[in-house]
Amino acid sequence: KMGVECFRGSEEDKLERWMGAAEKFGVELIVTADGDDLFCEPKLIDLAFEQFERTGCDFIEEKPGANVSIGGFTYGIRVTALKKVCEIKDSSNTEMMSVYFTETGLFKVETLQNIPPELRKPDIRMTLDYEDDFKFFKNVIMHFAKKKYFDLFDITKYLDEHPEVIKINQYLNEQFHANQKAKTKLVLKKK
């Protein structure tokens, strides 16, 4: 209705949905921003595109809690690699899809490089899965409600000054990682 181009693919299979969107818009590189990662940082996305050009990698990840906040950056994918994954996978349940790139040995996988030091906050949880995540987001958004624009740099500065806000949902990281691990399955077609 607003004139924004979009692609609506499979509701269950995010890999097929991404592949359909890539084909529709004729792109060679994708950087994902999941809907539950409200503060995914555009400057980190730009870094991923620069890294693709510089290194020629197929897949860029930021392992949750490794360098940046959970939800600050997700994945970068070369569409030729995505196409290959769609050909070899044997499941439409691809919510936890990184293993198709990282565990098959078929792709050049890298972690996101050149992350600004002020965004290296692996202890901060910024993804919306649980009620306390909502409380965290509500606190941060209300703090910035009068600003026309704010980014992850502003948010991390605010959180550095208010560590009590980080603690609202930080305890959920362990449960989050366990849930992710339990849902992650590599299902390949038989040769």
Protein backbone atom coordinates (compact mmCIF):
# COMPACT_ATOMS: atom_id res chain seq x y z
CA LYS A 1 0.00 0.00 0.00
CA MET A 2 2.93 2.34 0.68
CA GLY A 3 4.66 1.53 -2.60
CA VAL A 4 7.53 -0.38 -0.97
CA GLU A 5 8.68 -3.27 -3.10
CA CYS A 6 8.66 -6.59 -1.28
CA PHE A 7 8.76 -10.33 -1.81
CA ARG A 8 6.58 -12.76 0.07
CA GLY A 9 7.90 -16.29 -0.20
CA SER A 10 7.67 -19.37 1.95
CA GLU A 11 6.52 -18.70 5.49
CA GLU A 12 8.50 -21.65 6.86
CA ASP A 13 11.60 -21.89 4.64
CA LYS A 14 13.65 -18.72 5.03
CA LEU A 15 16.34 -19.98 2.63
CA GLU A 16 13.83 -20.43 -0.19
CA ARG A 17 12.26 -17.07 0.68
CA TRP A 18 15.65 -15.34 0.51
CA MET A 19 16.44 -17.12 -2.78
CA GLY A 20 13.12 -15.98 -4.28
CA ALA A 21 13.77 -12.40 -3.17
CA ALA A 22 17.30 -12.48 -4.59
CA GLU A 23 15.98 -13.71 -7.93
CA LYS A 24 13.14 -11.18 -8.02
CA PHE A 25 15.46 -8.24 -7.32
CA GLY A 26 18.50 -9.58 -9.19
CA VAL A 27 21.00 -9.26 -6.35
CA GLU A 28 24.30 -11.08 -5.87
CA LEU A 29 24.80 -10.41 -2.15
CA ILE A 30 22.37 -10.43 0.76
CA VAL A 31 22.74 -9.18 4.30
CA THR A 32 19.84 -10.28 6.47
CA ALA A 33 18.11 -8.27 9.15
CA ASP A 34 15.60 -10.40 11.04
CA GLY A 35 12.40 -8.77 12.24
CA ASP A 36 13.18 -9.60 15.87
CA ASP A 37 16.53 -7.76 15.69
CA LEU A 38 15.17 -4.24 16.02
CA PHE A 39 18.55 -2.53 16.39
CA CYS A 40 20.43 -4.32 13.59
CA GLU A 41 23.10 -1.77 12.67
CA PRO A 42 23.31 -0.47 9.07
CA LYS A 43 27.02 0.35 9.44
CA LEU A 44 27.72 -3.31 10.25
CA ILE A 45 25.73 -4.28 7.16
CA ASP A 46 27.92 -1.93 5.11
CA LEU A 47 31.01 -3.61 6.60
CA ALA A 48 29.69 -6.98 5.41
CA PHE A 49 29.28 -5.73 1.84
CA GLU A 50 32.81 -4.29 1.93
CA GLN A 51 34.12 -7.61 3.25
CA PHE A 52 32.42 -9.55 0.43
CA GLU A 53 34.19 -7.34 -2.11
CA ARG A 54 37.53 -7.50 -0.31
CA THR A 55 37.73 -11.23 0.47
CA GLY A 56 35.38 -12.99 -1.94
CA CYS A 57 33.81 -15.01 0.85
CA ASP A 58 30.47 -16.81 0.52
CA PHE A 59 29.03 -16.39 4.01
CA ILE A 60 29.64 -13.86 6.78
CA GLU A 61 28.43 -14.56 10.28
CA GLU A 62 28.65 -12.93 13.64
CA LYS A 63 28.26 -15.77 16.06
CA PRO A 64 25.73 -14.64 18.69
CA GLY A 65 27.55 -13.23 21.65
CA ALA A 66 31.00 -13.49 20.04
CA ASN A 67 31.70 -9.85 19.19
CA VAL A 68 28.64 -7.66 18.76
CA SER A 69 25.38 -7.73 20.65
CA ILE A 70 22.95 -10.50 19.82
CA GLY A 71 20.74 -8.83 17.23
CA GLY A 72 23.26 -6.19 16.13
CA PHE A 73 24.18 -8.13 12.97
CA THR A 74 22.94 -11.40 11.49
CA TYR A 75 24.35 -12.85 8.24
CA GLY A 76 25.79 -11.95 4.89
CA ILE A 77 25.27 -14.42 2.05
CA ARG A 78 26.55 -14.63 -1.52
CA VAL A 79 23.56 -15.64 -3.66
CA THR A 80 25.52 -18.32 -5.55
CA ALA A 81 26.15 -20.01 -2.18
CA LEU A 82 22.49 -19.60 -1.20
CA LYS A 83 21.43 -21.25 -4.46
CA LYS A 84 23.76 -24.21 -3.77
CA VAL A 85 22.36 -24.56 -0.24
CA CYS A 86 18.80 -24.58 -1.59
CA GLU A 87 19.82 -27.39 -3.96
CA ILE A 88 21.40 -29.60 -1.26
CA LYS A 89 19.12 -29.05 1.75
CA ASP A 90 16.36 -31.57 2.44
CA SER A 91 14.22 -29.62 4.88
CA SER A 92 11.93 -26.63 4.71
CA ASN A 93 12.53 -25.95 8.42
CA THR A 94 15.44 -23.57 7.89
CA GLU A 95 14.98 -21.06 10.70
CA MET A 96 18.41 -22.06 12.05
CA MET A 97 20.09 -22.12 8.66
CA SER A 98 23.73 -21.16 9.24
CA VAL A 99 24.87 -24.81 9.45
CA TYR A 100 24.18 -25.25 5.74
CA PHE A 101 26.98 -22.77 5.10
CA THR A 102 29.29 -23.45 8.03
CA GLU A 103 29.13 -27.26 8.41
CA THR A 104 29.11 -28.57 4.82
CA GLY A 105 32.66 -27.55 3.90
CA LEU A 106 31.42 -26.14 0.61
CA PHE A 107 31.77 -22.44 1.29
CA LYS A 108 34.28 -19.81 2.29
CA VAL A 109 32.94 -18.71 5.69
CA GLU A 110 34.17 -15.69 7.63
CA THR A 111 33.18 -13.78 10.71
CA LEU A 112 32.39 -10.11 10.35
CA GLN A 113 35.61 -8.05 10.35
CA ASN A 114 36.52 -4.47 11.26
CA ILE A 115 33.79 -4.08 13.88
CA PRO A 116 34.17 -0.70 15.59
CA PRO A 117 35.37 -1.19 19.19
CA GLU A 118 32.39 0.68 20.66
CA LEU A 119 30.04 -1.91 19.10
CA ARG A 120 31.90 -4.92 20.52
CA LYS A 121 29.33 -5.65 23.22
CA PRO A 122 28.72 -9.41 23.21
CA ASP A 123 27.10 -9.30 26.66
CA ILE A 124 24.17 -7.18 25.44
CA ARG A 125 21.07 -8.97 24.21
CA MET A 126 19.09 -7.11 21.53
CA THR A 127 16.74 -9.64 20.01
CA LEU A 128 13.04 -9.97 20.75
CA ASP A 129 12.13 -13.49 21.82
CA TYR A 130 10.90 -13.25 25.40
CA GLU A 131 8.84 -10.88 27.56
CA ASP A 132 11.92 -9.43 29.25
CA ASP A 133 13.37 -8.70 25.80
CA PHE A 134 10.29 -6.58 25.18
CA LYS A 135 10.91 -4.74 28.47
CA PHE A 136 14.50 -4.09 27.39
CA PHE A 137 13.43 -2.69 24.01
CA LYS A 138 10.69 -0.60 25.59
CA ASN A 139 13.22 0.98 27.97
CA VAL A 140 15.69 1.81 25.21
CA ILE A 141 13.07 3.09 22.76
CA MET A 142 11.41 5.25 25.40
CA HIS A 143 14.81 6.77 26.22
CA PHE A 144 15.26 7.79 22.58
CA ALA A 145 11.59 8.58 21.90
CA LYS A 146 12.21 12.30 21.30
CA LYS A 147 15.15 11.76 18.94
CA LYS A 148 14.41 11.64 15.23
CA TYR A 149 17.30 9.24 14.64
CA PHE A 150 19.43 6.95 16.78
CA ASP A 151 21.66 4.01 15.95
CA LEU A 152 23.53 1.20 17.67
CA PHE A 153 26.37 3.57 18.56
CA ASP A 154 23.90 5.75 20.50
CA ILE A 155 22.27 2.71 22.06
CA THR A 156 25.51 1.15 23.29
CA LYS A 157 26.60 4.49 24.75
CA TYR A 158 23.28 4.71 26.63
CA LEU A 159 23.65 1.12 27.84
CA ASP A 160 27.24 1.74 28.99
CA GLU A 161 25.84 4.52 31.16
CA HIS A 162 22.89 2.37 32.34
CA PRO A 163 24.09 -1.20 32.97
CA GLU A 164 20.85 -1.92 34.83
CA VAL A 165 19.05 -1.86 31.47
CA ILE A 166 21.38 -4.55 30.10
CA LYS A 167 20.45 -6.76 33.05
CA ILE A 168 16.73 -6.68 32.19
CA ASN A 169 17.15 -9.52 29.68
CA GLN A 170 20.82 -10.48 29.79
CA TYR A 171 20.08 -13.60 31.83
CA LEU A 172 18.16 -14.99 28.83
CA ASN A 173 21.29 -15.45 26.70
CA GLU A 174 22.04 -18.93 28.04
CA GLN A 175 18.47 -20.11 27.41
CA PHE A 176 18.53 -18.46 23.96
CA HIS A 177 21.75 -20.25 22.97
CA ALA A 178 20.41 -23.60 24.22
CA ASN A 179 17.17 -23.16 22.25
CA GLN A 180 19.09 -22.21 19.11
CA LYS A 181 21.35 -25.24 19.44
CA ALA A 182 18.39 -27.59 19.97
CA LYS A 183 16.64 -26.25 16.83
CA THR A 184 19.72 -26.36 14.60
CA LYS A 185 19.78 -29.37 12.30
CA LEU A 186 21.67 -30.01 9.07
CA VAL A 187 19.42 -32.05 6.77
CA LEU A 188 20.92 -32.77 3.37
CA LYS A 189 19.52 -34.62 0.37
CA LYS A 190 20.86 -38.12 -0.12
CA LYS A 191 23.27 -38.44 -3.03
